[in-house]
N, C-alpha and C. Protein backbone atom coordinates (compact mmCIF):
# COMPACT_ATOMS: atom_id res chain seq x y z
N MET A 1 -15.49 21.09 -23.68
CA MET A 1 -15.50 19.77 -24.29
C MET A 1 -15.47 18.70 -23.21
N PRO A 2 -16.59 18.51 -22.51
CA PRO A 2 -16.59 17.54 -21.42
C PRO A 2 -16.42 16.10 -21.89
N TYR A 3 -16.77 15.81 -23.16
CA TYR A 3 -16.65 14.44 -23.64
C TYR A 3 -15.37 14.21 -24.41
N ALA A 4 -14.43 15.14 -24.33
CA ALA A 4 -13.15 14.98 -25.01
C ALA A 4 -12.39 13.81 -24.38
N ARG A 5 -11.61 13.15 -25.20
CA ARG A 5 -10.82 12.02 -24.69
C ARG A 5 -9.76 12.51 -23.72
N LEU A 6 -9.45 11.68 -22.76
CA LEU A 6 -8.50 12.02 -21.72
C LEU A 6 -7.06 11.77 -22.16
N SER A 7 -6.18 12.57 -21.62
CA SER A 7 -4.75 12.31 -21.83
C SER A 7 -4.22 11.54 -20.62
N THR A 8 -3.03 11.05 -20.75
CA THR A 8 -2.38 10.37 -19.63
C THR A 8 -2.21 11.34 -18.46
N ALA A 9 -1.88 12.59 -18.76
CA ALA A 9 -1.71 13.60 -17.71
C ALA A 9 -3.02 13.81 -16.94
N ASP A 10 -4.16 13.81 -17.64
CA ASP A 10 -5.46 13.96 -16.97
C ASP A 10 -5.70 12.81 -15.99
N ARG A 11 -5.41 11.61 -16.44
CA ARG A 11 -5.60 10.44 -15.57
C ARG A 11 -4.65 10.50 -14.37
N GLU A 12 -3.41 10.92 -14.61
CA GLU A 12 -2.43 11.00 -13.52
C GLU A 12 -2.85 12.05 -12.49
N ARG A 13 -3.41 13.17 -12.96
CA ARG A 13 -3.90 14.18 -12.03
C ARG A 13 -5.03 13.61 -11.16
N ALA A 14 -5.93 12.87 -11.80
CA ALA A 14 -7.05 12.27 -11.05
C ALA A 14 -6.53 11.25 -10.04
N LEU A 15 -5.55 10.45 -10.45
CA LEU A 15 -4.99 9.47 -9.52
C LEU A 15 -4.27 10.16 -8.37
N HIS A 16 -3.62 11.27 -8.65
CA HIS A 16 -2.97 12.04 -7.58
C HIS A 16 -4.02 12.58 -6.61
N GLU A 17 -5.12 13.08 -7.15
CA GLU A 17 -6.22 13.57 -6.31
C GLU A 17 -6.74 12.46 -5.40
N LEU A 18 -6.95 11.29 -5.99
CA LEU A 18 -7.48 10.17 -5.20
C LEU A 18 -6.49 9.76 -4.12
N ALA A 19 -5.21 9.73 -4.45
CA ALA A 19 -4.19 9.37 -3.46
C ALA A 19 -4.17 10.39 -2.31
N HIS A 20 -4.35 11.67 -2.65
CA HIS A 20 -4.40 12.70 -1.62
C HIS A 20 -5.59 12.46 -0.69
N HIS A 21 -6.74 12.18 -1.26
CA HIS A 21 -7.94 11.96 -0.44
C HIS A 21 -7.80 10.70 0.41
N LEU A 22 -7.11 9.69 -0.09
CA LEU A 22 -6.84 8.51 0.71
C LEU A 22 -5.91 8.88 1.88
N SER A 23 -4.89 9.68 1.60
CA SER A 23 -3.92 10.01 2.65
C SER A 23 -4.51 10.87 3.76
N VAL A 24 -5.52 11.67 3.45
CA VAL A 24 -6.14 12.49 4.50
C VAL A 24 -7.36 11.81 5.11
N GLY A 25 -7.66 10.59 4.69
CA GLY A 25 -8.71 9.80 5.33
C GLY A 25 -10.10 9.95 4.76
N ARG A 26 -10.24 10.58 3.61
CA ARG A 26 -11.58 10.74 3.02
C ARG A 26 -12.03 9.49 2.27
N LEU A 27 -11.08 8.64 1.93
CA LEU A 27 -11.40 7.39 1.22
C LEU A 27 -10.84 6.21 2.00
N SER A 28 -11.57 5.12 1.96
CA SER A 28 -11.05 3.88 2.53
C SER A 28 -10.18 3.21 1.47
N PRO A 29 -9.32 2.30 1.86
CA PRO A 29 -8.50 1.60 0.86
C PRO A 29 -9.34 0.88 -0.21
N VAL A 30 -10.49 0.35 0.19
CA VAL A 30 -11.35 -0.34 -0.77
C VAL A 30 -11.92 0.65 -1.78
N GLU A 31 -12.40 1.80 -1.28
CA GLU A 31 -12.92 2.84 -2.18
C GLU A 31 -11.82 3.35 -3.11
N PHE A 32 -10.63 3.56 -2.53
CA PHE A 32 -9.51 4.04 -3.33
C PHE A 32 -9.19 3.07 -4.46
N GLU A 33 -9.16 1.79 -4.16
CA GLU A 33 -8.86 0.78 -5.18
C GLU A 33 -9.91 0.80 -6.29
N GLU A 34 -11.18 0.89 -5.89
CA GLU A 34 -12.26 0.92 -6.89
C GLU A 34 -12.17 2.18 -7.76
N LEU A 35 -11.97 3.33 -7.11
CA LEU A 35 -11.93 4.59 -7.86
C LEU A 35 -10.70 4.68 -8.76
N THR A 36 -9.56 4.18 -8.31
CA THR A 36 -8.37 4.23 -9.17
C THR A 36 -8.53 3.32 -10.38
N THR A 37 -9.17 2.20 -10.18
CA THR A 37 -9.43 1.30 -11.32
C THR A 37 -10.35 1.98 -12.33
N ARG A 38 -11.39 2.63 -11.83
CA ARG A 38 -12.31 3.33 -12.73
C ARG A 38 -11.65 4.54 -13.39
N ALA A 39 -10.77 5.25 -12.64
CA ALA A 39 -10.07 6.41 -13.21
C ALA A 39 -9.12 5.98 -14.32
N ALA A 40 -8.45 4.86 -14.11
CA ALA A 40 -7.51 4.38 -15.13
C ALA A 40 -8.25 3.95 -16.39
N ALA A 41 -9.49 3.50 -16.24
CA ALA A 41 -10.27 3.05 -17.40
C ALA A 41 -11.12 4.17 -18.01
N ALA A 42 -11.18 5.32 -17.37
CA ALA A 42 -12.02 6.43 -17.85
C ALA A 42 -11.53 6.91 -19.22
N THR A 43 -12.49 7.33 -20.05
CA THR A 43 -12.15 7.82 -21.38
C THR A 43 -12.54 9.28 -21.60
N SER A 44 -13.35 9.85 -20.69
CA SER A 44 -13.76 11.24 -20.87
C SER A 44 -13.67 12.00 -19.54
N ARG A 45 -13.69 13.32 -19.65
CA ARG A 45 -13.61 14.15 -18.45
C ARG A 45 -14.87 14.02 -17.59
N VAL A 46 -15.97 13.74 -18.22
CA VAL A 46 -17.21 13.56 -17.46
C VAL A 46 -17.08 12.37 -16.52
N GLU A 47 -16.47 11.29 -17.02
CA GLU A 47 -16.27 10.11 -16.17
C GLU A 47 -15.38 10.44 -14.97
N LEU A 48 -14.29 11.18 -15.22
CA LEU A 48 -13.39 11.55 -14.13
C LEU A 48 -14.08 12.49 -13.15
N ALA A 49 -14.85 13.43 -13.66
CA ALA A 49 -15.55 14.38 -12.79
C ALA A 49 -16.53 13.64 -11.90
N GLY A 50 -17.17 12.61 -12.43
CA GLY A 50 -18.10 11.81 -11.63
C GLY A 50 -17.39 11.08 -10.49
N LEU A 51 -16.15 10.67 -10.72
CA LEU A 51 -15.40 9.96 -9.68
C LEU A 51 -15.00 10.90 -8.54
N LEU A 52 -14.73 12.14 -8.88
CA LEU A 52 -14.24 13.10 -7.89
C LEU A 52 -15.33 14.03 -7.37
N ALA A 53 -16.58 13.85 -7.82
CA ALA A 53 -17.65 14.79 -7.53
C ALA A 53 -17.93 14.95 -6.03
N ASP A 54 -17.89 13.88 -5.26
CA ASP A 54 -18.24 14.00 -3.85
C ASP A 54 -17.03 14.23 -2.94
N LEU A 55 -15.87 14.51 -3.56
CA LEU A 55 -14.66 14.80 -2.78
C LEU A 55 -14.37 16.29 -2.84
N PRO A 56 -14.07 16.91 -1.71
CA PRO A 56 -13.87 18.37 -1.69
C PRO A 56 -12.54 18.79 -2.30
N GLY A 57 -12.55 19.98 -2.91
CA GLY A 57 -11.34 20.66 -3.36
C GLY A 57 -10.41 19.86 -4.25
N GLN A 58 -9.24 20.41 -4.39
CA GLN A 58 -8.21 19.74 -5.17
C GLN A 58 -7.03 19.46 -4.27
N ALA A 59 -6.33 18.40 -4.59
CA ALA A 59 -5.11 18.06 -3.86
C ALA A 59 -4.02 19.05 -4.24
N PRO A 60 -3.07 19.27 -3.36
CA PRO A 60 -1.94 20.13 -3.72
C PRO A 60 -1.19 19.53 -4.90
N ARG A 61 -0.79 20.37 -5.81
CA ARG A 61 -0.06 19.91 -6.99
C ARG A 61 1.33 19.43 -6.59
N PRO A 62 1.79 18.35 -7.19
CA PRO A 62 3.16 17.94 -6.91
C PRO A 62 4.14 18.98 -7.45
N SER A 63 5.24 19.14 -6.76
CA SER A 63 6.23 20.14 -7.16
C SER A 63 6.87 19.76 -8.48
N THR A 64 7.04 20.76 -9.35
CA THR A 64 7.71 20.50 -10.62
C THR A 64 9.16 20.95 -10.58
N GLU A 65 9.59 21.51 -9.43
CA GLU A 65 10.97 21.94 -9.30
C GLU A 65 11.87 20.73 -9.12
N PRO A 66 13.06 20.79 -9.69
CA PRO A 66 13.99 19.68 -9.46
C PRO A 66 14.41 19.67 -8.00
N PRO A 67 14.67 18.49 -7.45
CA PRO A 67 15.07 18.44 -6.05
C PRO A 67 16.40 19.15 -5.82
N ALA A 68 16.53 19.71 -4.64
CA ALA A 68 17.78 20.41 -4.30
C ALA A 68 18.93 19.40 -4.21
N ARG A 69 20.11 19.88 -4.51
CA ARG A 69 21.29 19.02 -4.43
C ARG A 69 22.21 19.55 -3.32
N PRO A 70 21.87 19.27 -2.06
CA PRO A 70 22.64 19.86 -0.98
C PRO A 70 24.04 19.29 -0.83
N LEU A 71 24.31 18.11 -1.36
CA LEU A 71 25.63 17.52 -1.20
C LEU A 71 26.58 17.84 -2.34
N ALA A 72 26.14 18.55 -3.35
CA ALA A 72 27.03 18.84 -4.47
C ALA A 72 28.28 19.61 -4.04
N PRO A 73 28.18 20.68 -3.23
CA PRO A 73 29.41 21.36 -2.79
C PRO A 73 30.32 20.45 -1.97
N VAL A 74 29.73 19.58 -1.15
CA VAL A 74 30.53 18.66 -0.34
C VAL A 74 31.25 17.66 -1.25
N ALA A 75 30.58 17.21 -2.29
CA ALA A 75 31.21 16.27 -3.22
C ALA A 75 32.39 16.92 -3.93
N VAL A 76 32.22 18.16 -4.34
CA VAL A 76 33.31 18.88 -5.00
C VAL A 76 34.48 19.07 -4.04
N LEU A 77 34.17 19.48 -2.82
CA LEU A 77 35.22 19.68 -1.83
C LEU A 77 35.93 18.37 -1.52
N SER A 78 35.17 17.27 -1.44
CA SER A 78 35.79 15.97 -1.17
C SER A 78 36.73 15.58 -2.29
N ALA A 79 36.35 15.83 -3.52
CA ALA A 79 37.23 15.51 -4.65
C ALA A 79 38.50 16.34 -4.59
N ILE A 80 38.37 17.61 -4.23
CA ILE A 80 39.55 18.47 -4.11
C ILE A 80 40.47 17.97 -3.00
N VAL A 81 39.88 17.57 -1.86
CA VAL A 81 40.67 17.05 -0.75
C VAL A 81 41.40 15.78 -1.14
N VAL A 82 40.71 14.87 -1.83
CA VAL A 82 41.34 13.62 -2.25
C VAL A 82 42.51 13.91 -3.18
N LEU A 83 42.28 14.72 -4.21
CA LEU A 83 43.36 15.03 -5.16
C LEU A 83 44.51 15.76 -4.47
N GLY A 84 44.18 16.70 -3.58
CA GLY A 84 45.22 17.44 -2.87
C GLY A 84 46.02 16.54 -1.95
N ALA A 85 45.33 15.66 -1.21
CA ALA A 85 46.03 14.78 -0.29
C ALA A 85 46.93 13.80 -1.03
N VAL A 86 46.46 13.26 -2.13
CA VAL A 86 47.28 12.34 -2.92
C VAL A 86 48.48 13.09 -3.51
N GLY A 87 48.23 14.29 -4.03
CA GLY A 87 49.32 15.08 -4.62
C GLY A 87 50.38 15.43 -3.60
N VAL A 88 49.97 15.94 -2.43
CA VAL A 88 50.93 16.31 -1.39
C VAL A 88 51.64 15.06 -0.86
N SER A 89 50.92 13.95 -0.76
CA SER A 89 51.52 12.71 -0.30
C SER A 89 52.61 12.23 -1.26
N VAL A 90 52.35 12.31 -2.54
CA VAL A 90 53.33 11.88 -3.54
C VAL A 90 54.53 12.83 -3.52
N LEU A 91 54.28 14.12 -3.47
CA LEU A 91 55.37 15.10 -3.50
C LEU A 91 56.24 15.06 -2.24
N SER A 92 55.61 14.84 -1.08
CA SER A 92 56.37 14.85 0.16
C SER A 92 56.94 13.48 0.52
N GLY A 93 56.38 12.43 -0.05
CA GLY A 93 56.84 11.08 0.26
C GLY A 93 56.29 10.57 1.58
N SER A 94 55.28 11.22 2.13
CA SER A 94 54.71 10.81 3.41
C SER A 94 53.25 10.39 3.21
N TRP A 95 52.91 9.22 3.69
CA TRP A 95 51.54 8.72 3.54
C TRP A 95 50.58 9.38 4.53
N LEU A 96 51.09 10.09 5.53
CA LEU A 96 50.23 10.69 6.54
C LEU A 96 49.25 11.71 5.95
N TRP A 97 49.61 12.32 4.85
CA TRP A 97 48.70 13.27 4.20
C TRP A 97 47.41 12.59 3.73
N LEU A 98 47.46 11.29 3.50
CA LEU A 98 46.27 10.57 3.05
C LEU A 98 45.21 10.51 4.15
N LEU A 99 45.60 10.76 5.38
CA LEU A 99 44.62 10.79 6.48
C LEU A 99 43.63 11.95 6.33
N LEU A 100 43.98 12.93 5.53
CA LEU A 100 43.04 14.04 5.30
C LEU A 100 41.81 13.61 4.53
N ILE A 101 41.94 12.54 3.75
CA ILE A 101 40.82 12.12 2.90
C ILE A 101 39.56 11.82 3.72
N PRO A 102 39.60 11.01 4.78
CA PRO A 102 38.36 10.81 5.55
C PRO A 102 38.08 11.91 6.56
N VAL A 103 39.12 12.61 7.03
CA VAL A 103 38.94 13.56 8.11
C VAL A 103 38.27 14.86 7.66
N VAL A 104 38.72 15.45 6.58
CA VAL A 104 38.20 16.76 6.17
C VAL A 104 36.71 16.72 5.83
N PRO A 105 36.23 15.79 5.00
CA PRO A 105 34.78 15.78 4.74
C PRO A 105 33.96 15.52 6.01
N ALA A 106 34.46 14.66 6.91
CA ALA A 106 33.73 14.40 8.16
C ALA A 106 33.63 15.67 9.00
N VAL A 107 34.72 16.43 9.08
CA VAL A 107 34.70 17.67 9.85
C VAL A 107 33.74 18.67 9.21
N ILE A 108 33.76 18.78 7.90
CA ILE A 108 32.88 19.73 7.21
C ILE A 108 31.41 19.36 7.41
N LEU A 109 31.09 18.08 7.26
CA LEU A 109 29.70 17.65 7.47
C LEU A 109 29.27 17.87 8.92
N GLY A 110 30.18 17.64 9.86
CA GLY A 110 29.86 17.87 11.26
C GLY A 110 29.59 19.34 11.55
N VAL A 111 30.40 20.22 11.00
CA VAL A 111 30.21 21.66 11.19
C VAL A 111 28.91 22.12 10.55
N ARG A 112 28.61 21.59 9.36
CA ARG A 112 27.35 21.95 8.70
C ARG A 112 26.15 21.52 9.53
N ALA A 113 26.25 20.31 10.13
CA ALA A 113 25.14 19.82 10.95
C ALA A 113 24.95 20.69 12.19
N ILE A 114 26.04 21.14 12.78
CA ILE A 114 25.95 22.01 13.96
C ILE A 114 25.28 23.33 13.59
N PHE A 115 25.70 23.93 12.48
CA PHE A 115 25.09 25.19 12.07
C PHE A 115 23.65 25.01 11.64
N ALA A 116 23.31 23.88 11.06
CA ALA A 116 21.93 23.62 10.66
C ALA A 116 21.03 23.53 11.89
N ARG A 117 21.52 22.94 12.97
CA ARG A 117 20.73 22.84 14.19
C ARG A 117 20.54 24.20 14.84
N ARG A 118 21.52 25.06 14.73
CA ARG A 118 21.43 26.38 15.34
C ARG A 118 20.45 27.28 14.63
N THR A 119 20.32 27.12 13.31
CA THR A 119 19.43 28.01 12.55
C THR A 119 17.98 27.56 12.61
N VAL A 120 17.71 26.36 13.06
CA VAL A 120 16.35 25.85 13.11
C VAL A 120 15.63 26.28 14.31
């Protein structure tokens, strides 16, 4: 069905393709602007195919995986340190335990950075 109406996803795929070709230097900014305007106004697959006909291959698909959350364990540990430091400070009557709040997460992040450099 080459003359079937386009969906928003079809147009977005075409715009992604055009952006890829611009980023690798196959299109000039002027050509990119013209083609994206025509792609946004396209109503059929034939029109989109005509826009991409002289460009090679397909652009890599954008990742559909959710981004990694590398700081989640650090955030949990920081919360535990804060609650622990406040609890021990209240129970012991000494404010010095509150110094753990900035120190422990900084030490953990520093150690993680050192190990990350070693594995690379």
